[in-house]
Amino acid sequence: MISSVFLSGRLGDVFSEKLRYVEVDRVIPGPSGHYETDLFPVKTMLSKDGVFMKAKKGTYVTLKGRLEVDPKFGLIIVNEIDEILNIPSKKQ
């Protein structure tokens, strides 16, 4: 089976040595009128000291990956290519 997944969102919590959540906001609001956020587990193929794992929570990221089943975590996305954008904070 071949799969391609494209995500753009924010880096979330690190929950394993090479796994981290990516938070993606939905484009359609829910019944309450708020936009819900989905969490996707993403595994990096690089070392645990790479930028994907070291970047601060909330950093914007776009990535391309593939779907895989991990025996411990279930369905995950394996990160193949990513772009981590460091958006400067507003000066006051």
PDB file of N, CA and C in Angstrom:
ATOM      1  N   MET A   1       0.848  -1.181   0.000  1.00  0.00           N
ATOM      2  CA  MET A   1       0.000   0.000   0.000  1.00  0.00           C
ATOM      3  C   MET A   1       0.889   1.238   0.000  1.00  0.00           C
ATOM      4  N   ILE A   2       0.564   2.172  -0.844  1.00  0.00           N
ATOM      5  CA  ILE A   2       1.306   3.427  -0.918  1.00  0.00           C
ATOM      6  C   ILE A   2       0.396   4.531  -0.400  1.00  0.00           C
ATOM      7  N   SER A   3       0.953   5.401   0.429  1.00  0.00           N
ATOM      8  CA  SER A   3       0.164   6.503   0.960  1.00  0.00           C
ATOM      9  C   SER A   3       1.027   7.750   1.049  1.00  0.00           C
ATOM     10  N   SER A   4       0.410   8.884   0.846  1.00  0.00           N
ATOM     11  CA  SER A   4       1.077  10.172   1.038  1.00  0.00           C
ATOM     12  C   SER A   4       0.186  11.039   1.894  1.00  0.00           C
ATOM     13  N   VAL A   5       0.793  11.693   2.866  1.00  0.00           N
ATOM     14  CA  VAL A   5       0.055  12.556   3.772  1.00  0.00           C
ATOM     15  C   VAL A   5       0.760  13.903   3.801  1.00  0.00           C
ATOM     16  N   PHE A   6      -0.008  14.978   3.700  1.00  0.00           N
ATOM     17  CA  PHE A   6       0.530  16.325   3.819  1.00  0.00           C
ATOM     18  C   PHE A   6      -0.153  17.001   4.994  1.00  0.00           C
ATOM     19  N   LEU A   7       0.629  17.557   5.897  1.00  0.00           N
ATOM     20  CA  LEU A   7       0.086  18.249   7.066  1.00  0.00           C
ATOM     21  C   LEU A   7       0.691  19.630   7.177  1.00  0.00           C
ATOM     22  N   SER A   8      -0.098  20.558   7.652  1.00  0.00           N
ATOM     23  CA  SER A   8       0.437  21.857   8.069  1.00  0.00           C
ATOM     24  C   SER A   8      -0.263  22.206   9.378  1.00  0.00           C
ATOM     25  N   GLY A   9       0.541  22.540  10.362  1.00  0.00           N
ATOM     26  CA  GLY A   9      -0.002  22.834  11.681  1.00  0.00           C
ATOM     27  C   GLY A   9       1.084  23.265  12.634  1.00  0.00           C
ATOM     28  N   ARG A  10       0.875  22.990  13.905  1.00  0.00           N
ATOM     29  CA  ARG A  10       1.825  23.389  14.947  1.00  0.00           C
ATOM     30  C   ARG A  10       2.408  22.147  15.602  1.00  0.00           C
ATOM     31  N   LEU A  11       3.667  22.235  16.006  1.00  0.00           N
ATOM     32  CA  LEU A  11       4.281  21.134  16.728  1.00  0.00           C
ATOM     33  C   LEU A  11       3.654  21.039  18.113  1.00  0.00           C
ATOM     34  N   GLY A  12       3.324  19.836  18.508  1.00  0.00           N
ATOM     35  CA  GLY A  12       2.711  19.603  19.811  1.00  0.00           C
ATOM     36  C   GLY A  12       3.685  18.923  20.757  1.00  0.00           C
ATOM     37  N   ASP A  13       3.131  18.176  21.687  1.00  0.00           N
ATOM     38  CA  ASP A  13       3.928  17.504  22.715  1.00  0.00           C
ATOM     39  C   ASP A  13       4.764  16.368  22.135  1.00  0.00           C
ATOM     40  N   VAL A  14       5.925  16.163  22.739  1.00  0.00           N
ATOM     41  CA  VAL A  14       6.766  15.005  22.437  1.00  0.00           C
ATOM     42  C   VAL A  14       6.294  13.887  23.367  1.00  0.00           C
ATOM     43  N   PHE A  15       5.992  12.702  22.807  1.00  0.00           N
ATOM     44  CA  PHE A  15       5.507  11.630  23.673  1.00  0.00           C
ATOM     45  C   PHE A  15       6.314  10.353  23.548  1.00  0.00           C
ATOM     46  N   SER A  16       7.390  10.387  22.783  1.00  0.00           N
ATOM     47  CA  SER A  16       8.301   9.252  22.685  1.00  0.00           C
ATOM     48  C   SER A  16       9.616   9.780  22.135  1.00  0.00           C
ATOM     49  N   GLU A  17      10.623   8.920  22.092  1.00  0.00           N
ATOM     50  CA  GLU A  17      11.946   9.358  21.653  1.00  0.00           C
ATOM     51  C   GLU A  17      11.935   9.945  20.242  1.00  0.00           C
ATOM     52  N   LYS A  18      11.139   9.383  19.350  1.00  0.00           N
ATOM     53  CA  LYS A  18      11.079   9.868  17.971  1.00  0.00           C
ATOM     54  C   LYS A  18       9.666  10.187  17.513  1.00  0.00           C
ATOM     55  N   LEU A  19       8.724  10.297  18.447  1.00  0.00           N
ATOM     56  CA  LEU A  19       7.334  10.601  18.106  1.00  0.00           C
ATOM     57  C   LEU A  19       6.885  11.894  18.762  1.00  0.00           C
ATOM     58  N   ARG A  20       6.140  12.659  17.986  1.00  0.00           N
ATOM     59  CA  ARG A  20       5.648  13.947  18.453  1.00  0.00           C
ATOM     60  C   ARG A  20       4.306  14.213  17.798  1.00  0.00           C
ATOM     61  N   TYR A  21       3.429  14.912  18.505  1.00  0.00           N
ATOM     62  CA  TYR A  21       2.147  15.290  17.914  1.00  0.00           C
ATOM     63  C   TYR A  21       2.308  16.524  17.034  1.00  0.00           C
ATOM     64  N   VAL A  22       1.505  16.554  15.961  1.00  0.00           N
ATOM     65  CA  VAL A  22       1.327  17.761  15.160  1.00  0.00           C
ATOM     66  C   VAL A  22      -0.138  18.134  15.296  1.00  0.00           C
ATOM     67  N   GLU A  23      -0.385  19.384  15.686  1.00  0.00           N
ATOM     68  CA  GLU A  23      -1.746  19.882  15.909  1.00  0.00           C
ATOM     69  C   GLU A  23      -2.239  20.586  14.648  1.00  0.00           C
ATOM     70  N   VAL A  24      -3.381  20.151  14.140  1.00  0.00           N
ATOM     71  CA  VAL A  24      -3.952  20.722  12.925  1.00  0.00           C
ATOM     72  C   VAL A  24      -5.360  21.214  13.237  1.00  0.00           C
ATOM     73  N   ASP A  25      -5.627  22.488  12.963  1.00  0.00           N
ATOM     74  CA  ASP A  25      -6.956  23.058  13.174  1.00  0.00           C
ATOM     75  C   ASP A  25      -7.869  22.674  12.015  1.00  0.00           C
ATOM     76  N   ARG A  26      -9.093  22.333  12.342  1.00  0.00           N
ATOM     77  CA  ARG A  26     -10.078  22.020  11.306  1.00  0.00           C
ATOM     78  C   ARG A  26     -10.498  23.299  10.597  1.00  0.00           C
ATOM     79  N   VAL A  27     -10.958  23.165   9.350  1.00  0.00           N
ATOM     80  CA  VAL A  27     -11.347  24.332   8.564  1.00  0.00           C
ATOM     81  C   VAL A  27     -12.828  24.666   8.706  1.00  0.00           C
ATOM     82  N   ILE A  28     -13.593  23.756   9.290  1.00  0.00           N
ATOM     83  CA  ILE A  28     -15.025  23.989   9.503  1.00  0.00           C
ATOM     84  C   ILE A  28     -15.291  23.958  11.000  1.00  0.00           C
ATOM     85  N   PRO A  29     -15.960  24.980  11.547  1.00  0.00           N
ATOM     86  CA  PRO A  29     -16.215  24.980  12.989  1.00  0.00           C
ATOM     87  C   PRO A  29     -17.182  23.873  13.390  1.00  0.00           C
ATOM     88  N   GLY A  30     -17.029  23.415  14.627  1.00  0.00           N
ATOM     89  CA  GLY A  30     -17.912  22.390  15.173  1.00  0.00           C
ATOM     90  C   GLY A  30     -19.250  22.975  15.576  1.00  0.00           C
ATOM     91  N   PRO A  31     -20.118  22.181  16.198  1.00  0.00           N
ATOM     92  CA  PRO A  31     -21.448  22.639  16.606  1.00  0.00           C
ATOM     93  C   PRO A  31     -21.416  23.830  17.555  1.00  0.00           C
ATOM     94  N   SER A  32     -20.353  23.937  18.346  1.00  0.00           N
ATOM     95  CA  SER A  32     -20.269  25.048  19.299  1.00  0.00           C
ATOM     96  C   SER A  32     -19.766  26.330  18.645  1.00  0.00           C
ATOM     97  N   GLY A  33     -19.336  26.242  17.370  1.00  0.00           N
ATOM     98  CA  GLY A  33     -18.823  27.420  16.683  1.00  0.00           C
ATOM     99  C   GLY A  33     -17.314  27.579  16.797  1.00  0.00           C
ATOM    100  N   HIS A  34     -16.675  26.708  17.553  1.00  0.00           N
ATOM    101  CA  HIS A  34     -15.220  26.757  17.709  1.00  0.00           C
ATOM    102  C   HIS A  34     -14.552  25.794  16.736  1.00  0.00           C
ATOM    103  N   TYR A  35     -13.339  26.137  16.332  1.00  0.00           N
ATOM    104  CA  TYR A  35     -12.562  25.262  15.456  1.00  0.00           C
ATOM    105  C   TYR A  35     -11.827  24.243  16.316  1.00  0.00           C
ATOM    106  N   GLU A  36     -12.098  22.977  16.087  1.00  0.00           N
ATOM    107  CA  GLU A  36     -11.454  21.920  16.852  1.00  0.00           C
ATOM    108  C   GLU A  36     -10.060  21.654  16.303  1.00  0.00           C
ATOM    109  N   THR A  37      -9.216  21.048  17.133  1.00  0.00           N
ATOM    110  CA  THR A  37      -7.845  20.725  16.752  1.00  0.00           C
ATOM    111  C   THR A  37      -7.669  19.219  16.789  1.00  0.00           C
ATOM    112  N   ASP A  38      -7.121  18.680  15.714  1.00  0.00           N
ATOM    113  CA  ASP A  38      -6.819  17.247  15.646  1.00  0.00           C
ATOM    114  C   ASP A  38      -5.335  17.054  15.925  1.00  0.00           C
ATOM    115  N   LEU A  39      -4.999  15.983  16.634  1.00  0.00           N
ATOM    116  CA  LEU A  39      -3.615  15.653  16.955  1.00  0.00           C
ATOM    117  C   LEU A  39      -3.199  14.430  16.148  1.00  0.00           C
ATOM    118  N   PHE A  40      -2.094  14.564  15.409  1.00  0.00           N
ATOM    119  CA  PHE A  40      -1.575  13.473  14.603  1.00  0.00           C
ATOM    120  C   PHE A  40      -0.210  13.058  15.128  1.00  0.00           C
ATOM    121  N   PRO A  41      -0.019  11.768  15.437  1.00  0.00           N
ATOM    122  CA  PRO A  41       1.297  11.310  15.871  1.00  0.00           C
ATOM    123  C   PRO A  41       2.226  11.198  14.665  1.00  0.00           C
ATOM    124  N   VAL A  42       3.384  11.856  14.757  1.00  0.00           N
ATOM    125  CA  VAL A  42       4.346  11.882  13.654  1.00  0.00           C
ATOM    126  C   VAL A  42       5.682  11.359  14.155  1.00  0.00           C
ATOM    127  N   LYS A  43       6.243  10.418  13.401  1.00  0.00           N
ATOM    128  CA  LYS A  43       7.545   9.844  13.736  1.00  0.00           C
ATOM    129  C   LYS A  43       8.594  10.436  12.809  1.00  0.00           C
ATOM    130  N   THR A  44       9.715  10.865  13.370  1.00  0.00           N
ATOM    131  CA  THR A  44      10.796  11.385  12.556  1.00  0.00           C
ATOM    132  C   THR A  44      11.769  10.275  12.223  1.00  0.00           C
ATOM    133  N   MET A  45      12.342  10.327  11.054  1.00  0.00           N
ATOM    134  CA  MET A  45      13.336   9.342  10.650  1.00  0.00           C
ATOM    135  C   MET A  45      14.741   9.790  11.057  1.00  0.00           C
ATOM    136  N   LEU A  46      14.867  11.043  11.437  1.00  0.00           N
ATOM    137  CA  LEU A  46      16.156  11.581  11.842  1.00  0.00           C
ATOM    138  C   LEU A  46      16.399  11.299  13.316  1.00  0.00           C
ATOM    139  N   SER A  47      17.504  11.755  13.813  1.00  0.00           N
ATOM    140  CA  SER A  47      17.829  11.500  15.219  1.00  0.00           C
ATOM    141  C   SER A  47      16.907  12.300  16.140  1.00  0.00           C
ATOM    142  N   LYS A  48      16.899  11.889  17.401  1.00  0.00           N
ATOM    143  CA  LYS A  48      16.072  12.592  18.389  1.00  0.00           C
ATOM    144  C   LYS A  48      16.598  13.993  18.673  1.00  0.00           C
ATOM    145  N   ASP A  49      17.813  14.312  18.197  1.00  0.00           N
ATOM    146  CA  ASP A  49      18.382  15.644  18.374  1.00  0.00           C
ATOM    147  C   ASP A  49      18.125  16.552  17.179  1.00  0.00           C
ATOM    148  N   GLY A  50      17.311  16.102  16.224  1.00  0.00           N
ATOM    149  CA  GLY A  50      17.002  16.901  15.042  1.00  0.00           C
ATOM    150  C   GLY A  50      16.058  18.045  15.370  1.00  0.00           C
ATOM    151  N   VAL A  51      15.907  18.944  14.412  1.00  0.00           N
ATOM    152  CA  VAL A  51      15.083  20.147  14.593  1.00  0.00           C
ATOM    153  C   VAL A  51      13.625  19.783  14.865  1.00  0.00           C
ATOM    154  N   PHE A  52      13.117  18.741  14.217  1.00  0.00           N
ATOM    155  CA  PHE A  52      11.719  18.358  14.402  1.00  0.00           C
ATOM    156  C   PHE A  52      11.416  18.047  15.864  1.00  0.00           C
ATOM    157  N   MET A  53      12.336  17.395  16.538  1.00  0.00           N
ATOM    158  CA  MET A  53      12.118  17.035  17.938  1.00  0.00           C
ATOM    159  C   MET A  53      12.528  18.141  18.905  1.00  0.00           C
ATOM    160  N   LYS A  54      13.451  19.003  18.518  1.00  0.00           N
ATOM    161  CA  LYS A  54      13.977  20.040  19.415  1.00  0.00           C
ATOM    162  C   LYS A  54      13.207  21.364  19.355  1.00  0.00           C
ATOM    163  N   ALA A  55      12.471  21.593  18.272  1.00  0.00           N
ATOM    164  CA  ALA A  55      11.757  22.866  18.120  1.00  0.00           C
ATOM    165  C   ALA A  55      10.715  23.036  19.224  1.00  0.00           C
ATOM    166  N   LYS A  56      10.445  24.299  19.548  1.00  0.00           N
ATOM    167  CA  LYS A  56       9.487  24.599  20.609  1.00  0.00           C
ATOM    168  C   LYS A  56       8.073  24.193  20.219  1.00  0.00           C
ATOM    169  N   LYS A  57       7.303  23.834  21.231  1.00  0.00           N
ATOM    170  CA  LYS A  57       5.886  23.537  21.043  1.00  0.00           C
ATOM    171  C   LYS A  57       5.206  24.780  20.482  1.00  0.00           C
ATOM    172  N   GLY A  58       4.362  24.602  19.482  1.00  0.00           N
ATOM    173  CA  GLY A  58       3.657  25.717  18.869  1.00  0.00           C
ATOM    174  C   GLY A  58       4.319  26.246  17.609  1.00  0.00           C
ATOM    175  N   THR A  59       5.521  25.758  17.283  1.00  0.00           N
ATOM    176  CA  THR A  59       6.219  26.172  16.069  1.00  0.00           C
ATOM    177  C   THR A  59       5.470  25.636  14.854  1.00  0.00           C
ATOM    178  N   TYR A  60       5.316  26.486  13.833  1.00  0.00           N
ATOM    179  CA  TYR A  60       4.577  26.094  12.633  1.00  0.00           C
ATOM    180  C   TYR A  60       5.405  25.114  11.811  1.00  0.00           C
ATOM    181  N   VAL A  61       4.746  24.079  11.285  1.00  0.00           N
ATOM    182  CA  VAL A  61       5.431  23.053  10.501  1.00  0.00           C
ATOM    183  C   VAL A  61       4.548  22.616   9.345  1.00  0.00           C
ATOM    184  N   THR A  62       5.161  22.342   8.211  1.00  0.00           N
ATOM    185  CA  THR A  62       4.494  21.646   7.110  1.00  0.00           C
ATOM    186  C   THR A  62       5.319  20.401   6.826  1.00  0.00           C
ATOM    187  N   LEU A  63       4.645  19.306   6.528  1.00  0.00           N
ATOM    188  CA  LEU A  63       5.401  18.086   6.276  1.00  0.00           C
ATOM    189  C   LEU A  63       4.689  17.170   5.306  1.00  0.00           C
ATOM    190  N   LYS A  64       5.495  16.314   4.673  1.00  0.00           N
ATOM    191  CA  LYS A  64       4.994  15.247   3.813  1.00  0.00           C
ATOM    192  C   LYS A  64       5.467  13.947   4.439  1.00  0.00           C
ATOM    193  N   GLY A  65       4.586  12.975   4.503  1.00  0.00           N
ATOM    194  CA  GLY A  65       4.950  11.706   5.093  1.00  0.00           C
ATOM    195  C   GLY A  65       4.114  10.577   4.529  1.00  0.00           C
ATOM    196  N   ARG A  66       4.226   9.444   5.176  1.00  0.00           N
ATOM    197  CA  ARG A  66       3.449   8.266   4.771  1.00  0.00           C
ATOM    198  C   ARG A  66       2.825   7.634   6.011  1.00  0.00           C
ATOM    199  N   LEU A  67       1.760   6.896   5.812  1.00  0.00           N
ATOM    200  CA  LEU A  67       1.090   6.214   6.914  1.00  0.00           C
ATOM    201  C   LEU A  67       1.785   4.894   7.213  1.00  0.00           C
ATOM    202  N   GLU A  68       1.858   4.577   8.489  1.00  0.00           N
ATOM    203  CA  GLU A  68       2.437   3.314   8.930  1.00  0.00           C
ATOM    204  C   GLU A  68       1.712   2.880  10.194  1.00  0.00           C
ATOM    205  N   VAL A  69       1.726   1.587  10.460  1.00  0.00           N
ATOM    206  CA  VAL A  69       1.143   1.075  11.696  1.00  0.00           C
ATOM    207  C   VAL A  69       2.290   0.692  12.621  1.00  0.00           C
ATOM    208  N   ASP A  70       2.298   1.305  13.788  1.00  0.00           N
ATOM    209  CA  ASP A  70       3.300   1.013  14.809  1.00  0.00           C
ATOM    210  C   ASP A  70       2.660   0.061  15.813  1.00  0.00           C
ATOM    211  N   PRO A  71       3.354  -1.026  16.201  1.00  0.00           N
ATOM    212  CA  PRO A  71       2.739  -1.980  17.125  1.00  0.00           C
ATOM    213  C   PRO A  71       2.374  -1.367  18.480  1.00  0.00           C
ATOM    214  N   LYS A  72       3.116  -0.371  18.918  1.00  0.00           N
ATOM    215  CA  LYS A  72       2.874   0.230  20.228  1.00  0.00           C
ATOM    216  C   LYS A  72       1.882   1.391  20.173  1.00  0.00           C
ATOM    217  N   PHE A  73       1.946   2.222  19.105  1.00  0.00           N
ATOM    218  CA  PHE A  73       1.150   3.453  19.046  1.00  0.00           C
ATOM    219  C   PHE A  73       0.008   3.420  18.044  1.00  0.00           C
ATOM    220  N   GLY A  74      -0.084   2.388  17.223  1.00  0.00           N
ATOM    221  CA  GLY A  74      -1.146   2.323  16.232  1.00  0.00           C
ATOM    222  C   GLY A  74      -0.777   3.061  14.957  1.00  0.00           C
ATOM    223  N   LEU A  75      -1.759   3.712  14.336  1.00  0.00           N
ATOM    224  CA  LEU A  75      -1.546   4.414  13.076  1.00  0.00           C
ATOM    225  C   LEU A  75      -0.750   5.693  13.324  1.00  0.00           C
ATOM    226  N   ILE A  76       0.384   5.836  12.614  1.00  0.00           N
ATOM    227  CA  ILE A  76       1.226   7.027  12.745  1.00  0.00           C
ATOM    228  C   ILE A  76       1.583   7.544  11.357  1.00  0.00           C
ATOM    229  N   ILE A  77       2.121   8.755  11.316  1.00  0.00           N
ATOM    230  CA  ILE A  77       2.639   9.335  10.087  1.00  0.00           C
ATOM    231  C   ILE A  77       4.159   9.350  10.217  1.00  0.00           C
ATOM    232  N   VAL A  78       4.844   8.821   9.213  1.00  0.00           N
ATOM    233  CA  VAL A  78       6.304   8.838   9.196  1.00  0.00           C
ATOM    234  C   VAL A  78       6.729  10.045   8.374  1.00  0.00           C
ATOM    235  N   ASN A  79       7.430  10.973   9.019  1.00  0.00           N
ATOM    236  CA  ASN A  79       7.860  12.226   8.404  1.00  0.00           C
ATOM    237  C   ASN A  79       8.973  11.964   7.394  1.00  0.00           C
ATOM    238  N   GLU A  80       8.747  12.350   6.136  1.00  0.00           N
ATOM    239  CA  GLU A  80       9.765  12.187   5.109  1.00  0.00           C
ATOM    240  C   GLU A  80      10.433  13.529   4.778  1.00  0.00           C
ATOM    241  N   ILE A  81       9.647  14.566   4.645  1.00  0.00           N
ATOM    242  CA  ILE A  81      10.159  15.903   4.330  1.00  0.00           C
ATOM    243  C   ILE A  81       9.407  16.895   5.199  1.00  0.00           C
ATOM    244  N   ASP A  82      10.131  17.818   5.834  1.00  0.00           N
ATOM    245  CA  ASP A  82       9.433  18.840   6.620  1.00  0.00           C
ATOM    246  C   ASP A  82      10.064  20.200   6.430  1.00  0.00           C
ATOM    247  N   GLU A  83       9.287  21.203   6.729  1.00  0.00           N
ATOM    248  CA  GLU A  83       9.740  22.588   6.746  1.00  0.00           C
ATOM    249  C   GLU A  83       9.247  23.170   8.058  1.00  0.00           C
ATOM    250  N   ILE A  84      10.173  23.553   8.893  1.00  0.00           N
ATOM    251  CA  ILE A  84       9.831  24.111  10.194  1.00  0.00           C
ATOM    252  C   ILE A  84      10.078  25.604  10.128  1.00  0.00           C
ATOM    253  N   LEU A  85       9.020  26.371  10.336  1.00  0.00           N
ATOM    254  CA  LEU A  85       9.088  27.818  10.185  1.00  0.00           C
ATOM    255  C   LEU A  85       9.155  28.487  11.543  1.00  0.00           C
ATOM    256  N   ASN A  86      10.160  29.258  11.730  1.00  0.00           N
ATOM    257  CA  ASN A  86      10.323  30.001  12.965  1.00  0.00           C
ATOM    258  C   ASN A  86       9.734  31.389  12.749  1.00  0.00           C
ATOM    259  N   ILE A  87       8.504  31.580  13.156  1.00  0.00           N
ATOM    260  CA  ILE A  87       7.830  32.852  12.955  1.00  0.00           C
ATOM    261  C   ILE A  87       8.227  33.775  14.107  1.00  0.00           C
ATOM    262  N   PRO A  88       8.826  34.922  13.777  1.00  0.00           N
ATOM    263  CA  PRO A  88       9.241  35.823  14.860  1.00  0.00           C
ATOM    264  C   PRO A  88       8.039  36.390  15.607  1.00  0.00           C
ATOM    265  N   SER A  89       8.214  36.576  16.895  1.00  0.00           N
ATOM    266  CA  SER A  89       7.133  37.152  17.699  1.00  0.00           C
ATOM    267  C   SER A  89       7.031  38.643  17.418  1.00  0.00           C
ATOM    268  N   LYS A  90       5.839  39.184  17.653  1.00  0.00           N
ATOM    269  CA  LYS A  90       5.606  40.599  17.411  1.00  0.00           C
ATOM    270  C   LYS A  90       6.349  41.433  18.450  1.00  0.00           C
ATOM    271  N   LYS A  91       6.977  42.485  17.965  1.00  0.00           N
ATOM    272  CA  LYS A  91       7.671  43.399  18.898  1.00  0.00           C
ATOM    273  C   LYS A  91       6.635  44.378  19.456  1.00  0.00           C
ATOM    274  N   GLN A  92       6.776  44.662  20.726  1.00  0.00           N
ATOM    275  CA  GLN A  92       5.795  45.558  21.344  1.00  0.00           C
ATOM    276  C   GLN A  92       6.419  46.888  21.652  1.00  0.00           C
TER     277      GLN A  92
END
